[in-house]
Amino acid sequence: MNLNQVTLPAIDLNESTAFYLKLGFTQIVKSDHYARFLCTEGNSTFSIHLSSKKNDSDFIVYFECDDVDAEYNRLKEKGIEFKSEPKD
């Protein structure tokens, strides 16, 4: 069995979409309540859907890259804010 996608809730769909585009993902579906993205490597996709509830503890998503320090610096240059720096 193959994973089709993971869908996350988003309180502000436009703000969330802008965030994932800034990370470098490609948007492949867009509607007023849903957006789907192709990951930067491989064939995996994930999506976000408009939600009226905010509960930060319901999910964790892990993305993988070859060089964490380089990716961290690339995202900082794009204006992404981090709570802490990567640690070895």
N, C-alpha and C. Protein backbone atom coordinates (compact mmCIF):
# COMPACT_ATOMS: atom_id res chain seq x y z
N MET A 1 0.84 -1.17 0.00
CA MET A 1 0.00 0.00 0.00
C MET A 1 0.89 1.24 0.00
N ASN A 2 0.52 2.24 -0.76
CA ASN A 2 1.28 3.48 -0.89
C ASN A 2 0.52 4.62 -0.22
N LEU A 3 1.24 5.48 0.48
CA LEU A 3 0.63 6.67 1.08
C LEU A 3 0.25 7.64 -0.02
N ASN A 4 -0.99 8.05 -0.07
CA ASN A 4 -1.45 9.00 -1.07
C ASN A 4 -1.08 10.41 -0.68
N GLN A 5 -1.47 10.83 0.53
CA GLN A 5 -1.16 12.18 0.99
C GLN A 5 -1.49 12.31 2.46
N VAL A 6 -1.03 13.38 3.05
CA VAL A 6 -1.36 13.77 4.41
C VAL A 6 -2.07 15.12 4.30
N THR A 7 -3.16 15.31 5.01
CA THR A 7 -3.89 16.57 4.98
C THR A 7 -3.87 17.20 6.38
N LEU A 8 -3.49 18.47 6.43
CA LEU A 8 -3.39 19.22 7.68
C LEU A 8 -4.44 20.32 7.73
N PRO A 9 -4.93 20.67 8.91
CA PRO A 9 -5.87 21.78 9.02
C PRO A 9 -5.14 23.12 8.93
N ALA A 10 -5.82 24.12 8.43
CA ALA A 10 -5.26 25.48 8.34
C ALA A 10 -6.34 26.49 8.70
N ILE A 11 -6.07 27.34 9.66
CA ILE A 11 -7.01 28.39 10.03
C ILE A 11 -7.08 29.45 8.94
N ASP A 12 -5.91 29.82 8.40
CA ASP A 12 -5.82 30.81 7.32
C ASP A 12 -5.19 30.12 6.12
N LEU A 13 -6.01 29.72 5.17
CA LEU A 13 -5.54 28.96 4.02
C LEU A 13 -4.53 29.74 3.18
N ASN A 14 -4.78 31.04 2.99
CA ASN A 14 -3.86 31.85 2.18
C ASN A 14 -2.49 31.98 2.85
N GLU A 15 -2.48 32.22 4.14
CA GLU A 15 -1.21 32.35 4.87
C GLU A 15 -0.46 31.01 4.88
N SER A 16 -1.17 29.93 5.09
CA SER A 16 -0.54 28.61 5.10
C SER A 16 -0.01 28.25 3.72
N THR A 17 -0.77 28.55 2.68
CA THR A 17 -0.31 28.29 1.32
C THR A 17 0.96 29.08 1.03
N ALA A 18 0.99 30.33 1.39
CA ALA A 18 2.19 31.16 1.17
C ALA A 18 3.40 30.58 1.90
N PHE A 19 3.20 30.07 3.11
CA PHE A 19 4.28 29.47 3.87
C PHE A 19 4.86 28.26 3.14
N TYR A 20 4.01 27.34 2.68
CA TYR A 20 4.52 26.14 2.00
C TYR A 20 5.14 26.47 0.64
N LEU A 21 4.63 27.49 -0.04
CA LEU A 21 5.26 27.92 -1.28
C LEU A 21 6.65 28.51 -1.00
N LYS A 22 6.77 29.24 0.10
CA LYS A 22 8.06 29.80 0.49
C LYS A 22 9.05 28.69 0.82
N LEU A 23 8.57 27.58 1.36
CA LEU A 23 9.44 26.44 1.64
C LEU A 23 9.94 25.79 0.35
N GLY A 24 9.25 26.03 -0.77
CA GLY A 24 9.69 25.50 -2.05
C GLY A 24 8.80 24.43 -2.64
N PHE A 25 7.67 24.13 -1.99
CA PHE A 25 6.76 23.13 -2.51
C PHE A 25 5.99 23.69 -3.71
N THR A 26 5.54 22.82 -4.60
CA THR A 26 4.78 23.20 -5.79
C THR A 26 3.30 22.97 -5.54
N GLN A 27 2.51 24.01 -5.70
CA GLN A 27 1.07 23.86 -5.50
C GLN A 27 0.46 23.21 -6.73
N ILE A 28 -0.29 22.12 -6.54
CA ILE A 28 -0.88 21.39 -7.66
C ILE A 28 -2.41 21.44 -7.65
N VAL A 29 -3.02 21.84 -6.53
CA VAL A 29 -4.47 21.99 -6.45
C VAL A 29 -4.76 23.21 -5.58
N LYS A 30 -5.75 24.00 -6.00
CA LYS A 30 -6.13 25.18 -5.23
C LYS A 30 -7.64 25.38 -5.32
N SER A 31 -8.28 25.54 -4.17
CA SER A 31 -9.68 25.94 -4.13
C SER A 31 -9.86 26.87 -2.94
N ASP A 32 -11.07 27.30 -2.68
CA ASP A 32 -11.29 28.23 -1.57
C ASP A 32 -11.20 27.55 -0.20
N HIS A 33 -11.14 26.23 -0.17
CA HIS A 33 -11.07 25.52 1.11
C HIS A 33 -9.98 24.44 1.17
N TYR A 34 -9.15 24.35 0.12
CA TYR A 34 -8.22 23.22 0.03
C TYR A 34 -7.04 23.60 -0.87
N ALA A 35 -5.86 23.13 -0.49
CA ALA A 35 -4.67 23.29 -1.34
C ALA A 35 -3.82 22.02 -1.21
N ARG A 36 -3.23 21.61 -2.32
CA ARG A 36 -2.39 20.41 -2.32
C ARG A 36 -1.05 20.75 -2.95
N PHE A 37 0.01 20.14 -2.40
CA PHE A 37 1.38 20.46 -2.80
C PHE A 37 2.16 19.21 -3.14
N LEU A 38 3.06 19.35 -4.09
CA LEU A 38 4.02 18.31 -4.44
C LEU A 38 5.31 18.63 -3.70
N CYS A 39 5.85 17.64 -3.01
CA CYS A 39 7.09 17.85 -2.27
C CYS A 39 8.24 18.14 -3.23
N THR A 40 9.29 18.75 -2.72
CA THR A 40 10.40 19.18 -3.56
C THR A 40 11.22 18.03 -4.11
N GLU A 41 11.14 16.87 -3.48
CA GLU A 41 11.83 15.67 -3.97
C GLU A 41 10.87 14.50 -3.93
N GLY A 42 11.01 13.59 -4.87
CA GLY A 42 10.14 12.41 -4.90
C GLY A 42 8.77 12.73 -5.43
N ASN A 43 7.82 11.84 -5.15
CA ASN A 43 6.46 12.00 -5.67
C ASN A 43 5.43 12.20 -4.56
N SER A 44 5.88 12.48 -3.36
CA SER A 44 4.95 12.65 -2.24
C SER A 44 4.20 13.97 -2.35
N THR A 45 2.97 13.95 -1.85
CA THR A 45 2.16 15.17 -1.80
C THR A 45 1.59 15.32 -0.40
N PHE A 46 1.19 16.53 -0.08
CA PHE A 46 0.45 16.80 1.15
C PHE A 46 -0.52 17.93 0.86
N SER A 47 -1.51 18.07 1.72
CA SER A 47 -2.51 19.10 1.48
C SER A 47 -2.89 19.77 2.79
N ILE A 48 -3.56 20.91 2.65
CA ILE A 48 -4.12 21.63 3.78
C ILE A 48 -5.58 21.91 3.47
N HIS A 49 -6.40 21.92 4.50
CA HIS A 49 -7.82 22.24 4.31
C HIS A 49 -8.21 23.29 5.33
N LEU A 50 -9.13 24.12 4.96
CA LEU A 50 -9.62 25.19 5.81
C LEU A 50 -10.32 24.60 7.03
N SER A 51 -9.94 25.06 8.20
CA SER A 51 -10.51 24.56 9.44
C SER A 51 -10.82 25.73 10.36
N SER A 52 -11.87 25.60 11.15
CA SER A 52 -12.20 26.66 12.10
C SER A 52 -11.60 26.40 13.47
N LYS A 53 -10.97 25.24 13.66
CA LYS A 53 -10.39 24.88 14.96
C LYS A 53 -8.87 24.96 14.90
N LYS A 54 -8.28 25.40 16.00
CA LYS A 54 -6.83 25.41 16.09
C LYS A 54 -6.43 24.50 17.25
N ASN A 55 -5.71 23.47 16.93
CA ASN A 55 -5.19 22.57 17.96
C ASN A 55 -3.82 22.10 17.49
N ASP A 56 -2.79 22.76 17.96
CA ASP A 56 -1.43 22.49 17.51
C ASP A 56 -0.90 21.13 17.90
N SER A 57 -1.53 20.44 18.81
CA SER A 57 -0.98 19.17 19.29
C SER A 57 -1.52 17.95 18.55
N ASP A 58 -2.36 18.14 17.57
CA ASP A 58 -2.97 16.99 16.90
C ASP A 58 -2.10 16.37 15.81
N PHE A 59 -1.03 17.01 15.39
CA PHE A 59 -0.25 16.46 14.29
C PHE A 59 1.19 16.94 14.34
N ILE A 60 2.05 16.13 13.77
CA ILE A 60 3.45 16.49 13.55
C ILE A 60 3.81 15.95 12.17
N VAL A 61 4.42 16.78 11.34
CA VAL A 61 4.84 16.36 10.02
C VAL A 61 6.35 16.54 9.93
N TYR A 62 7.04 15.53 9.45
CA TYR A 62 8.49 15.59 9.30
C TYR A 62 8.83 15.61 7.82
N PHE A 63 9.64 16.59 7.43
CA PHE A 63 10.19 16.63 6.08
C PHE A 63 11.68 16.32 6.20
N GLU A 64 12.22 15.69 5.19
CA GLU A 64 13.59 15.22 5.22
C GLU A 64 14.41 15.93 4.15
N CYS A 65 15.69 16.20 4.46
CA CYS A 65 16.60 16.78 3.47
C CYS A 65 18.00 16.25 3.73
N ASP A 66 18.88 16.37 2.74
CA ASP A 66 20.24 15.85 2.87
C ASP A 66 21.14 16.73 3.72
N ASP A 67 20.96 18.04 3.66
CA ASP A 67 21.84 18.96 4.37
C ASP A 67 20.99 19.93 5.20
N VAL A 68 20.80 19.60 6.46
CA VAL A 68 19.92 20.39 7.34
C VAL A 68 20.43 21.82 7.50
N ASP A 69 21.74 21.99 7.66
CA ASP A 69 22.29 23.34 7.84
C ASP A 69 22.04 24.21 6.62
N ALA A 70 22.26 23.67 5.43
CA ALA A 70 22.04 24.43 4.20
C ALA A 70 20.56 24.78 4.04
N GLU A 71 19.69 23.82 4.34
CA GLU A 71 18.24 24.07 4.23
C GLU A 71 17.79 25.10 5.25
N TYR A 72 18.30 25.01 6.46
CA TYR A 72 18.00 25.99 7.50
C TYR A 72 18.39 27.40 7.04
N ASN A 73 19.59 27.55 6.49
CA ASN A 73 20.05 28.86 6.01
C ASN A 73 19.21 29.35 4.83
N ARG A 74 18.85 28.44 3.92
CA ARG A 74 18.02 28.82 2.77
C ARG A 74 16.67 29.34 3.24
N LEU A 75 16.07 28.67 4.20
CA LEU A 75 14.75 29.08 4.68
C LEU A 75 14.82 30.37 5.49
N LYS A 76 15.88 30.55 6.26
CA LYS A 76 16.06 31.81 6.99
C LYS A 76 16.16 32.98 6.02
N GLU A 77 16.88 32.78 4.91
CA GLU A 77 17.01 33.84 3.90
C GLU A 77 15.66 34.18 3.28
N LYS A 78 14.73 33.24 3.27
CA LYS A 78 13.39 33.48 2.72
C LYS A 78 12.45 34.08 3.76
N GLY A 79 12.95 34.30 4.98
CA GLY A 79 12.14 34.94 6.01
C GLY A 79 11.42 33.98 6.95
N ILE A 80 11.70 32.68 6.86
CA ILE A 80 11.10 31.73 7.79
C ILE A 80 11.77 31.90 9.15
N GLU A 81 10.96 32.01 10.20
CA GLU A 81 11.49 32.16 11.55
C GLU A 81 11.49 30.81 12.26
N PHE A 82 12.55 30.54 12.99
CA PHE A 82 12.70 29.29 13.72
C PHE A 82 12.75 29.57 15.21
N LYS A 83 12.28 28.63 16.01
CA LYS A 83 12.36 28.75 17.46
C LYS A 83 13.76 28.42 17.95
N SER A 84 14.49 27.59 17.21
CA SER A 84 15.87 27.26 17.58
C SER A 84 16.62 26.84 16.32
N GLU A 85 17.94 26.86 16.43
CA GLU A 85 18.79 26.43 15.32
C GLU A 85 18.90 24.90 15.32
N PRO A 86 19.25 24.31 14.18
CA PRO A 86 19.45 22.86 14.16
C PRO A 86 20.63 22.47 15.05
N LYS A 87 20.54 21.29 15.65
CA LYS A 87 21.62 20.79 16.51
C LYS A 87 22.01 19.41 16.05
N ASP A 88 23.31 19.13 16.08
CA ASP A 88 23.83 17.80 15.74
C ASP A 88 23.73 16.89 16.95
